[in-house]
Amino acid sequence: MENYWIYLVIVASISHALWNIMLKQSENKAVFLWSLRIWSVIIFLPVSILFWPQGVTITYEWIFWGLGSIALHSAYAIILAKAYEKSDFSLAYPISRGLGPLLVVAAGSIWLSEPVTSLSVLGSLFIFVGIYMMYSGVSFSMGVRSLKSILKSPYPFLVGLFIACYTIFDKLAVAVIPPITLNVIENLGQVLVLGSLQVRNIAVAATQWKTEWVKMAVAGGLAGLSYILVLIVLTEVPVSFVAPVRESSIVIGSLLGVYFLKEKYNLYKIIGSVIIFAGVVMIVWK
């Protein structure tokens, strides 16, 4: 099973799409996001201890890689939250979401000397186009507005940049820290960082915990599982392959949105999904 990793990434994509659906359905999204990180630590800390790899010891290197991963993921979460506050971010989101994998492919080739074929590059571009079409269709005016919104605000570019940064960084980090443990460290850091932003909302958080704690726990388990599977794959597979394929979660999320959120799956989403699927096939084709 030479391409076994694609199945793990698909499971990760389904898990990612499911916890994002639950986040969309929550009352206070900031509180829910913080809370699911808490549950992710509660669930996977014992798992990381139970499945501790034989011969692995904690070293000073863990401080650098652990703190670095916390900083990048926390910065991404804060920037994404700020970006959502901007009314025109929805226009630029497909570009910023697709930009991350393209930057990863470039960085993987240049800095990590990963094997990048013309077909994998073409596949990454297909995924970028598919993402854009799913959100913006083929409207020229929409494309112009999207580009203008990116030029007016740094947030869309920063979102894509930080997706690339934490993906590349974690690719290097899993060579030092076991995947499950790295995910626990990163989530624990986000609990502290995001928690500091929730001090004023502690009463709201307490109320939401009473009504949504089960959903928070399930979402925390799905979020942890999603990224742990990606980290496991990154221990063996070039990041320039994994990052673009991971964006298949957008298609899965849209399909689940039809069922759970009663969203429409229009012609542009169908065409975009087919283009993304074609891009994935190009990347894994050998």
Protein backbone atom coordinates (compact mmCIF):
# COMPACT_ATOMS: atom_id res chain seq x y z
CA MET A 1 0.00 0.00 0.00
CA GLU A 2 2.35 2.63 -1.30
CA ASN A 3 -0.22 5.41 -0.99
CA TYR A 4 -1.63 4.28 2.38
CA TRP A 5 -1.17 7.82 3.69
CA ILE A 6 -3.93 9.16 1.46
CA TYR A 7 -6.49 7.17 3.49
CA LEU A 8 -5.19 8.61 6.75
CA VAL A 9 -5.38 12.14 5.31
CA ILE A 10 -8.95 11.52 4.11
CA VAL A 11 -9.97 10.34 7.60
CA ALA A 12 -8.23 13.43 8.99
CA SER A 13 -10.13 15.60 6.51
CA ILE A 14 -13.46 14.08 7.52
CA SER A 15 -12.64 14.62 11.21
CA HIS A 16 -11.58 18.20 10.48
CA ALA A 17 -14.78 18.90 8.56
CA LEU A 18 -16.96 17.41 11.32
CA TRP A 19 -15.49 19.47 14.16
CA ASN A 20 -15.74 22.60 12.01
CA ILE A 21 -19.44 21.86 11.43
CA MET A 22 -19.87 21.62 15.22
CA LEU A 23 -17.99 24.89 15.65
CA LYS A 24 -20.33 26.61 13.17
CA GLN A 25 -23.34 25.34 15.12
CA SER A 26 -22.05 26.58 18.50
CA GLU A 27 -23.37 29.66 20.32
CA ASN A 28 -20.07 31.46 21.04
CA LYS A 29 -17.45 30.23 18.59
CA ALA A 30 -14.43 31.66 20.46
CA VAL A 31 -15.48 29.90 23.68
CA PHE A 32 -16.24 26.67 21.81
CA LEU A 33 -12.85 26.71 20.04
CA TRP A 34 -11.01 27.26 23.32
CA SER A 35 -13.05 24.57 25.06
CA LEU A 36 -12.50 21.92 22.39
CA ARG A 37 -8.74 22.47 22.78
CA ILE A 38 -9.12 21.74 26.50
CA TRP A 39 -10.96 18.51 25.70
CA SER A 40 -8.35 17.56 23.13
CA VAL A 41 -5.66 17.75 25.83
CA ILE A 42 -7.82 15.79 28.30
CA ILE A 43 -8.44 13.03 25.74
CA PHE A 44 -5.03 12.69 24.11
CA LEU A 45 -2.63 13.32 27.02
CA PRO A 46 -3.31 9.81 28.43
CA VAL A 47 -3.10 8.40 24.88
CA SER A 48 0.31 10.01 24.35
CA ILE A 49 1.58 8.44 27.58
CA LEU A 50 0.07 5.03 26.78
CA PHE A 51 1.61 4.96 23.28
CA TRP A 52 4.93 6.56 24.19
CA PRO A 53 7.49 5.33 21.61
CA GLN A 54 10.18 3.06 22.98
CA GLY A 55 13.55 4.77 23.34
CA VAL A 56 12.20 8.32 23.05
CA THR A 57 13.39 10.71 25.78
CA ILE A 58 12.58 14.34 26.47
CA THR A 59 15.47 16.64 25.50
CA TYR A 60 16.17 20.38 25.43
CA GLU A 61 15.25 20.35 21.75
CA TRP A 62 11.64 19.79 22.79
CA ILE A 63 11.52 23.31 24.24
CA PHE A 64 12.30 24.93 20.89
CA TRP A 65 10.02 22.74 18.79
CA GLY A 66 7.21 22.70 21.35
CA LEU A 67 7.19 26.46 21.96
CA GLY A 68 7.60 27.13 18.23
CA SER A 69 4.57 25.00 17.37
CA ILE A 70 2.51 26.66 20.13
CA ALA A 71 3.48 30.13 18.91
CA LEU A 72 2.64 29.44 15.25
CA HIS A 73 -0.68 27.68 15.90
CA SER A 74 -1.76 30.30 18.45
CA ALA A 75 -0.80 33.16 16.13
CA TYR A 76 -2.77 31.49 13.33
CA ALA A 77 -5.85 31.13 15.56
CA ILE A 78 -5.67 34.79 16.65
CA ILE A 79 -5.08 36.09 13.11
CA LEU A 80 -7.92 33.95 11.77
CA ALA A 81 -10.25 35.31 14.46
CA LYS A 82 -9.21 38.87 13.57
CA ALA A 83 -9.68 38.13 9.89
CA TYR A 84 -13.25 36.97 10.48
CA GLU A 85 -13.99 40.33 12.10
CA LYS A 86 -13.35 41.99 8.76
CA SER A 87 -16.52 42.09 6.71
CA ASP A 88 -14.75 41.47 3.41
CA PHE A 89 -12.68 38.50 4.57
CA SER A 90 -15.21 36.08 3.10
CA LEU A 91 -14.20 37.37 -0.33
CA ALA A 92 -10.51 36.70 0.21
CA TYR A 93 -10.88 33.46 2.22
CA PRO A 94 -10.68 31.05 -0.75
CA ILE A 95 -7.44 32.65 -1.91
CA SER A 96 -5.91 32.68 1.57
CA ARG A 97 -6.98 29.05 2.15
CA GLY A 98 -5.52 27.93 -1.16
CA LEU A 99 -2.37 30.03 -0.76
CA GLY A 100 -1.12 27.98 2.22
CA PRO A 101 -0.63 24.68 0.35
CA LEU A 102 1.02 26.46 -2.59
CA LEU A 103 3.53 28.09 -0.22
CA VAL A 104 4.14 24.70 1.42
CA VAL A 105 4.89 23.08 -1.95
CA ALA A 106 7.37 25.86 -2.75
CA ALA A 107 9.01 25.72 0.70
CA GLY A 108 9.15 21.92 0.68
CA SER A 109 10.98 21.97 -2.62
CA ILE A 110 13.39 24.82 -1.82
CA TRP A 111 14.16 24.38 1.90
CA LEU A 112 13.50 20.70 2.53
CA SER A 113 14.71 19.47 -0.89
CA GLU A 114 11.58 17.37 -1.26
CA PRO A 115 10.87 15.68 -4.60
CA VAL A 116 8.35 17.82 -6.46
CA THR A 117 7.09 16.64 -9.84
CA SER A 118 5.43 18.77 -12.50
CA LEU A 119 2.26 16.72 -11.94
CA SER A 120 2.23 17.47 -8.19
CA VAL A 121 2.70 21.19 -8.86
CA LEU A 122 -0.13 21.10 -11.41
CA GLY A 123 -2.27 19.22 -8.90
CA SER A 124 -1.63 21.89 -6.24
CA LEU A 125 -2.69 24.59 -8.72
CA PHE A 126 -5.83 22.60 -9.51
CA ILE A 127 -6.68 22.46 -5.81
CA PHE A 128 -6.16 26.23 -5.53
CA VAL A 129 -8.48 26.86 -8.51
CA GLY A 130 -11.04 24.38 -7.16
CA ILE A 131 -11.11 26.06 -3.75
CA TYR A 132 -11.57 29.46 -5.36
CA MET A 133 -14.38 28.22 -7.62
CA MET A 134 -16.23 26.59 -4.70
CA TYR A 135 -16.38 29.91 -2.88
CA SER A 136 -16.39 32.49 -5.68
CA GLY A 137 -17.62 30.73 -8.82
CA VAL A 138 -16.37 32.15 -12.12
CA SER A 139 -17.56 35.70 -11.59
CA PHE A 140 -14.91 38.14 -12.86
CA SER A 141 -16.24 40.90 -10.62
CA MET A 142 -16.03 38.59 -7.60
CA GLY A 143 -12.42 37.81 -8.47
CA VAL A 144 -11.57 41.51 -8.72
CA ARG A 145 -13.25 42.17 -5.37
CA SER A 146 -11.34 39.29 -3.80
CA LEU A 147 -7.99 40.62 -5.02
CA LYS A 148 -8.87 44.13 -3.84
CA SER A 149 -9.78 42.85 -0.38
CA ILE A 150 -6.39 41.11 -0.16
CA LEU A 151 -4.59 44.31 -1.15
CA LYS A 152 -6.54 46.36 1.40
CA SER A 153 -5.97 44.03 4.38
CA PRO A 154 -2.95 41.93 5.40
CA TYR A 155 -5.07 39.26 7.10
CA PRO A 156 -5.89 37.01 4.10
CA PHE A 157 -2.21 36.77 3.16
CA LEU A 158 -1.21 36.22 6.81
CA VAL A 159 -3.74 33.39 7.14
CA GLY A 160 -2.21 31.59 4.16
CA LEU A 161 1.32 32.36 5.36
CA PHE A 162 0.75 30.94 8.84
CA ILE A 163 -0.89 27.80 7.44
CA ALA A 164 2.33 27.25 5.50
CA CYS A 165 4.55 28.16 8.48
CA TYR A 166 3.00 25.82 11.03
CA THR A 167 2.78 22.99 8.47
CA ILE A 168 6.48 23.23 7.54
CA PHE A 169 7.52 23.72 11.18
CA ASP A 170 5.54 20.71 12.38
CA LYS A 171 7.00 18.60 9.57
CA LEU A 172 10.41 19.26 11.11
CA ALA A 173 9.14 18.99 14.69
CA VAL A 174 7.82 15.41 14.34
CA ALA A 175 11.41 14.31 13.73
CA VAL A 176 12.06 15.27 17.38
CA ILE A 177 8.71 14.99 19.21
CA PRO A 178 6.28 12.07 18.70
CA PRO A 179 3.14 13.14 16.75
CA ILE A 180 0.57 12.56 19.52
CA THR A 181 2.73 14.33 22.10
CA LEU A 182 3.39 17.28 19.77
CA ASN A 183 -0.35 17.69 19.25
CA VAL A 184 -0.96 17.65 23.03
CA ILE A 185 1.78 20.27 23.57
CA GLU A 186 0.38 22.50 20.80
CA ASN A 187 -3.18 22.22 22.15
CA LEU A 188 -2.06 22.87 25.72
CA GLY A 189 -0.33 26.03 24.54
CA GLN A 190 -3.47 27.15 22.72
CA VAL A 191 -5.54 26.50 25.85
CA LEU A 192 -3.32 28.95 27.75
CA VAL A 193 -3.06 31.56 24.98
CA LEU A 194 -6.70 31.48 23.88
CA GLY A 195 -7.80 31.15 27.51
CA SER A 196 -6.14 34.46 28.34
CA LEU A 197 -8.43 36.04 25.76
CA GLN A 198 -11.51 34.48 27.39
CA VAL A 199 -11.03 35.93 30.87
CA ARG A 200 -13.75 38.51 30.30
CA ASN A 201 -16.08 35.83 28.92
CA ILE A 202 -15.70 33.40 31.81
CA ALA A 203 -19.41 33.65 32.73
CA VAL A 204 -20.40 33.03 29.11
CA ALA A 205 -17.96 30.11 28.93
CA ALA A 206 -19.39 28.55 32.11
CA THR A 207 -22.93 28.78 30.74
CA GLN A 208 -21.91 27.31 27.38
CA TRP A 209 -20.07 24.44 29.07
CA LYS A 210 -23.31 23.43 30.83
CA THR A 211 -25.22 23.15 27.56
CA GLU A 212 -22.54 22.10 25.05
CA TRP A 213 -19.88 20.17 26.98
CA VAL A 214 -20.66 16.91 25.14
CA LYS A 215 -20.32 18.60 21.75
CA MET A 216 -17.12 20.28 22.96
CA ALA A 217 -15.69 16.91 24.02
CA VAL A 218 -16.58 15.24 20.70
CA ALA A 219 -15.18 18.20 18.74
CA GLY A 220 -12.01 18.10 20.84
CA GLY A 221 -11.57 14.41 20.07
CA LEU A 222 -12.14 14.96 16.35
CA ALA A 223 -9.79 17.96 16.22
CA GLY A 224 -7.04 16.04 17.99
CA LEU A 225 -7.51 12.95 15.81
CA SER A 226 -7.51 15.07 12.66
CA TYR A 227 -4.14 16.71 13.24
CA ILE A 228 -2.50 13.69 14.86
CA LEU A 229 -3.15 11.66 11.70
CA VAL A 230 -1.62 14.46 9.62
CA LEU A 231 1.45 14.56 11.90
CA ILE A 232 1.84 10.78 11.66
CA VAL A 233 1.76 11.00 7.86
CA LEU A 234 4.31 13.84 7.94
CA THR A 235 6.85 11.53 9.61
CA GLU A 236 7.12 9.60 6.33
CA VAL A 237 5.55 11.58 3.46
CA PRO A 238 6.79 14.87 1.90
CA VAL A 239 4.87 17.84 3.26
CA SER A 240 4.48 19.15 -0.30
CA PHE A 241 2.21 16.14 -0.97
CA VAL A 242 0.29 16.17 2.31
CA ALA A 243 -0.63 19.87 2.58
CA PRO A 244 -2.52 20.16 -0.74
CA VAL A 245 -4.33 16.82 -0.31
CA ARG A 246 -5.41 17.91 3.18
CA GLU A 247 -7.48 20.66 1.56
CA SER A 248 -9.93 17.96 0.44
CA SER A 249 -11.55 18.73 3.81
CA ILE A 250 -13.16 21.72 2.08
CA VAL A 251 -15.09 19.41 -0.26
CA ILE A 252 -16.02 17.08 2.59
CA GLY A 253 -17.06 20.04 4.74
CA SER A 254 -19.29 21.39 1.97
CA LEU A 255 -20.97 18.00 1.51
CA LEU A 256 -21.54 17.66 5.26
CA GLY A 257 -22.83 21.23 5.33
CA VAL A 258 -25.63 20.21 2.95
CA TYR A 259 -26.85 17.62 5.46
CA PHE A 260 -26.14 19.26 8.82
CA LEU A 261 -26.48 22.97 8.01
CA LYS A 262 -28.91 22.69 5.08
CA GLU A 263 -26.47 24.61 2.87
CA LYS A 264 -26.85 24.61 -0.91
CA TYR A 265 -24.43 22.65 -3.08
CA ASN A 266 -24.61 24.65 -6.29
CA LEU A 267 -23.04 24.04 -9.70
CA TYR A 268 -19.85 25.98 -8.84
CA LYS A 269 -19.31 23.86 -5.74
CA ILE A 270 -19.75 20.70 -7.78
CA ILE A 271 -17.27 21.88 -10.45
CA GLY A 272 -14.85 23.08 -7.77
CA SER A 273 -15.06 19.73 -5.98
CA VAL A 274 -14.30 17.85 -9.20
CA ILE A 275 -11.28 20.11 -9.86
CA ILE A 276 -9.99 19.57 -6.31
CA PHE A 277 -10.44 15.79 -6.70
CA ALA A 278 -8.50 15.93 -9.99
CA GLY A 279 -5.73 17.86 -8.23
CA VAL A 280 -5.52 15.23 -5.48
CA VAL A 281 -5.28 12.44 -8.06
CA MET A 282 -2.42 14.30 -9.81
CA ILE A 283 -0.48 14.60 -6.55
CA VAL A 284 -0.77 10.94 -5.55
CA TRP A 285 -0.37 9.59 -9.09
CA LYS A 286 2.82 7.63 -9.66
